[in-house]
Amino acid sequence: MIIGKEILIRPLEIGDEEYLYKWWNDEDMMSHAGFAFGTLESKEAIRLNVLKSAENSKPFSNRKLFILCRKEDLKPIGEMNYSEWDIRNQKCEIGIKICENLYQGKGYGVDALYHFIDFLFRYLNLNKVELTTMEDNKRAHNLYEKLGFKEIGIIRKAYFDSRRGEFSNAIYMDILKEEWMERKDKVTFKY
């Protein structure tokens, strides 16, 4: 487990399909990612993926999904992941969602990302962490910049945004290990 100040990041467990089904099929929760109707995944499909992930005993995987919990009561409040782990080029892509509205904007995202990024650089021996965010997701963009991510480009018409029925641009951001090592002691947390 990855332990933050107020957050705990744990691997998927059997039973987490209940949370993921609720979160991923919530149109309000998923609309910022361009899914105005949620992901429309069945609970059974999610359960099978959780089972496959829980059965994977490999310490290193190309992609891995984690559940974010409040340390105080272990209540699941969101999810994060890494994917596209490239061993040769020492990089991966990350994603995060604080899925319980009550806990958004309270500092849990900064806490989770801070400790997750540090974990990735130290545990996976990465040189670079990448991410994309929809151009209109200013809240996420500001959070990533606070942690030291730099905007390195715009991916034109990268996502089909079902909110508007059109393609939207994505912002491509990254942070290098040396930038993280210089920046990490300057990140502030609010609770």
Protein backbone atom coordinates (compact mmCIF):
# COMPACT_ATOMS: atom_id res chain seq x y z
CA MET A 1 0.00 0.00 0.00
CA ILE A 2 1.01 3.57 -0.60
CA ILE A 3 0.37 5.72 2.45
CA GLY A 4 -0.10 9.46 2.19
CA LYS A 5 -0.93 12.11 4.76
CA GLU A 6 -4.70 11.52 4.72
CA ILE A 7 -5.02 8.98 1.91
CA LEU A 8 -4.18 5.32 1.45
CA ILE A 9 -3.69 3.88 -2.04
CA ARG A 10 -4.32 0.16 -2.26
CA PRO A 11 -4.53 -2.45 -5.04
CA LEU A 12 -7.93 -3.60 -6.24
CA GLU A 13 -9.73 -6.12 -4.06
CA ILE A 14 -12.67 -8.38 -4.74
CA GLY A 15 -15.74 -6.33 -3.91
CA ASP A 16 -14.36 -3.10 -5.41
CA GLU A 17 -16.57 -3.68 -8.44
CA GLU A 18 -19.40 -2.17 -6.37
CA TYR A 19 -17.59 1.17 -6.15
CA LEU A 20 -16.28 1.11 -9.71
CA TYR A 21 -19.70 0.24 -11.12
CA LYS A 22 -21.25 3.16 -9.25
CA TRP A 23 -18.50 5.61 -10.19
CA TRP A 24 -17.92 4.63 -13.81
CA ASN A 25 -21.62 4.64 -14.65
CA ASP A 26 -22.29 8.01 -13.03
CA GLU A 27 -22.75 10.50 -15.86
CA ASP A 28 -21.84 13.48 -13.64
CA MET A 29 -18.64 11.78 -12.47
CA MET A 30 -17.55 10.65 -15.91
CA SER A 31 -18.62 13.66 -17.99
CA HIS A 32 -15.33 15.50 -17.33
CA ALA A 33 -13.67 12.62 -19.19
CA GLY A 34 -16.08 12.93 -22.11
CA PHE A 35 -18.49 10.15 -21.04
CA ALA A 36 -21.79 11.99 -20.65
CA PHE A 37 -23.58 8.66 -20.10
CA GLY A 38 -20.89 7.02 -17.95
CA THR A 39 -18.88 4.13 -19.35
CA LEU A 40 -21.95 1.87 -19.61
CA GLU A 41 -19.96 -1.11 -18.30
CA SER A 42 -21.86 -3.92 -16.63
CA LYS A 43 -21.15 -4.83 -13.02
CA GLU A 44 -20.23 -8.35 -14.17
CA ALA A 45 -17.64 -7.07 -16.68
CA ILE A 46 -16.12 -4.86 -13.99
CA ARG A 47 -16.19 -7.77 -11.49
CA LEU A 48 -14.30 -10.00 -13.93
CA ASN A 49 -11.64 -7.31 -14.45
CA VAL A 50 -11.31 -6.80 -10.69
CA LEU A 51 -10.96 -10.58 -10.26
CA LYS A 52 -8.28 -10.74 -12.96
CA SER A 53 -6.40 -7.85 -11.33
CA ALA A 54 -6.69 -9.38 -7.84
CA GLU A 55 -5.39 -12.72 -9.13
CA ASN A 56 -2.36 -11.12 -10.81
CA SER A 57 0.49 -11.84 -8.41
CA LYS A 58 3.15 -10.12 -10.49
CA PRO A 59 4.74 -7.24 -8.59
CA PHE A 60 5.13 -5.26 -11.83
CA SER A 61 2.43 -4.95 -14.48
CA ASN A 62 2.04 -2.93 -17.67
CA ARG A 63 -1.06 -1.34 -16.11
CA LYS A 64 -2.48 -1.32 -12.62
CA LEU A 65 -5.61 0.15 -11.04
CA PHE A 66 -5.68 1.29 -7.41
CA ILE A 67 -8.43 2.40 -5.02
CA LEU A 68 -8.02 5.61 -3.02
CA CYS A 69 -9.23 5.41 0.58
CA ARG A 70 -9.34 7.92 3.38
CA LYS A 71 -6.82 6.81 6.01
CA GLU A 72 -9.11 7.70 8.87
CA ASP A 73 -11.87 5.20 8.04
CA LEU A 74 -10.60 3.32 4.93
CA LYS A 75 -13.61 4.61 2.97
CA PRO A 76 -13.01 4.30 -0.80
CA ILE A 77 -13.32 7.75 -2.39
CA GLY A 78 -11.71 7.32 -5.80
CA GLU A 79 -9.34 5.50 -8.09
CA MET A 80 -6.03 5.98 -9.84
CA ASN A 81 -3.92 4.00 -12.22
CA TYR A 82 -0.79 3.75 -14.22
CA SER A 83 -0.72 2.33 -17.72
CA GLU A 84 1.52 2.04 -20.75
CA TRP A 85 4.51 1.25 -18.51
CA ASP A 86 7.48 1.34 -20.89
CA ILE A 87 10.41 -0.41 -19.19
CA ARG A 88 12.98 0.49 -21.83
CA ASN A 89 12.14 4.21 -21.88
CA GLN A 90 11.26 4.28 -18.18
CA LYS A 91 7.90 6.04 -18.43
CA CYS A 92 4.19 5.47 -17.90
CA GLU A 93 0.90 7.34 -18.04
CA ILE A 94 -1.27 8.02 -14.99
CA GLY A 95 -4.88 8.84 -14.26
CA ILE A 96 -6.83 9.82 -11.14
CA LYS A 97 -10.43 10.46 -10.12
CA ILE A 98 -11.77 11.49 -6.73
CA CYS A 99 -15.14 9.86 -7.34
CA GLU A 100 -17.07 10.78 -4.22
CA ASN A 101 -18.22 14.39 -4.67
CA LEU A 102 -18.07 15.08 -0.93
CA TYR A 103 -14.27 14.62 -1.02
CA GLN A 104 -13.48 16.66 -4.13
CA GLY A 105 -11.59 19.91 -3.66
CA LYS A 106 -10.46 18.95 -0.15
CA GLY A 107 -6.80 18.10 -0.87
CA TYR A 108 -7.14 14.34 -1.34
CA GLY A 109 -6.13 14.57 -5.01
CA VAL A 110 -2.89 16.41 -4.21
CA ASP A 111 -2.10 13.93 -1.44
CA ALA A 112 -2.82 10.90 -3.63
CA LEU A 113 -0.93 12.18 -6.67
CA TYR A 114 2.06 13.32 -4.62
CA HIS A 115 2.56 9.91 -3.02
CA PHE A 116 1.68 7.99 -6.20
CA ILE A 117 4.17 9.94 -8.33
CA ASP A 118 6.87 9.44 -5.71
CA PHE A 119 6.04 5.71 -5.65
CA LEU A 120 6.30 5.48 -9.45
CA PHE A 121 9.69 7.15 -9.61
CA ARG A 122 11.07 5.05 -6.77
CA TYR A 123 9.32 1.69 -7.26
CA LEU A 124 9.13 1.44 -11.05
CA ASN A 125 12.40 3.35 -11.52
CA LEU A 126 10.76 5.73 -13.97
CA ASN A 127 12.40 8.69 -15.65
CA LYS A 128 9.12 10.29 -16.74
CA VAL A 129 5.42 10.30 -15.82
CA GLU A 130 2.92 11.40 -18.46
CA LEU A 131 -0.77 12.22 -18.50
CA THR A 132 -3.47 13.68 -20.69
CA THR A 133 -6.45 15.72 -19.63
CA MET A 134 -9.31 17.16 -21.60
CA GLU A 135 -8.66 20.76 -22.53
CA ASP A 136 -11.68 22.07 -20.60
CA ASN A 137 -10.80 20.22 -17.35
CA LYS A 138 -9.14 23.27 -15.77
CA ARG A 139 -9.38 21.90 -12.24
CA ALA A 140 -7.28 18.85 -13.13
CA HIS A 141 -4.88 20.96 -15.19
CA ASN A 142 -4.25 23.24 -12.17
CA LEU A 143 -3.70 20.26 -9.87
CA TYR A 144 -1.12 18.73 -12.21
CA GLU A 145 0.72 22.05 -12.56
CA LYS A 146 0.81 22.40 -8.76
CA LEU A 147 2.68 19.10 -8.61
CA GLY A 148 5.18 20.19 -11.26
CA PHE A 149 3.74 18.75 -14.46
CA LYS A 150 4.47 20.80 -17.55
CA GLU A 151 2.20 21.19 -20.53
CA ILE A 152 4.14 19.85 -23.48
CA GLY A 153 1.52 19.86 -26.17
CA ILE A 154 -2.04 19.72 -27.35
CA ILE A 155 -3.37 16.59 -28.95
CA ARG A 156 -5.91 17.91 -31.40
CA LYS A 157 -9.34 16.30 -31.41
CA ALA A 158 -8.03 13.48 -29.24
CA TYR A 159 -11.28 12.45 -27.54
CA PHE A 160 -14.87 12.16 -28.59
CA ASP A 161 -16.75 14.22 -26.00
CA SER A 162 -20.27 12.81 -25.72
CA ARG A 163 -21.37 15.85 -23.69
CA ARG A 164 -21.29 17.92 -26.86
CA GLY A 165 -21.19 15.21 -29.50
CA GLU A 166 -17.88 16.42 -30.94
CA PHE A 167 -14.17 15.79 -30.69
CA SER A 168 -12.19 17.71 -28.07
CA ASN A 169 -8.54 18.54 -27.64
CA ALA A 170 -6.45 17.00 -24.88
CA ILE A 171 -3.58 18.60 -23.01
CA TYR A 172 -0.49 16.41 -22.85
CA MET A 173 1.64 16.92 -19.71
CA ASP A 174 4.66 15.27 -18.14
CA ILE A 175 7.14 15.50 -15.31
CA LEU A 176 10.71 14.17 -15.30
CA LYS A 177 12.30 12.46 -12.32
CA GLU A 178 14.85 15.26 -11.82
CA GLU A 179 12.03 17.84 -11.88
CA TRP A 180 10.08 15.81 -9.32
CA MET A 181 13.08 15.47 -7.00
CA GLU A 182 13.55 19.23 -7.11
CA ARG A 183 9.83 20.00 -6.73
CA LYS A 184 8.55 17.42 -4.25
CA ASP A 185 9.61 19.21 -1.07
CA LYS A 186 7.81 22.38 -2.20
CA VAL A 187 4.36 20.80 -2.59
CA THR A 188 1.90 21.95 0.07
CA PHE A 189 -1.09 20.03 1.36
CA LYS A 190 -4.38 21.47 2.62
CA TYR A 191 -6.93 19.69 4.78
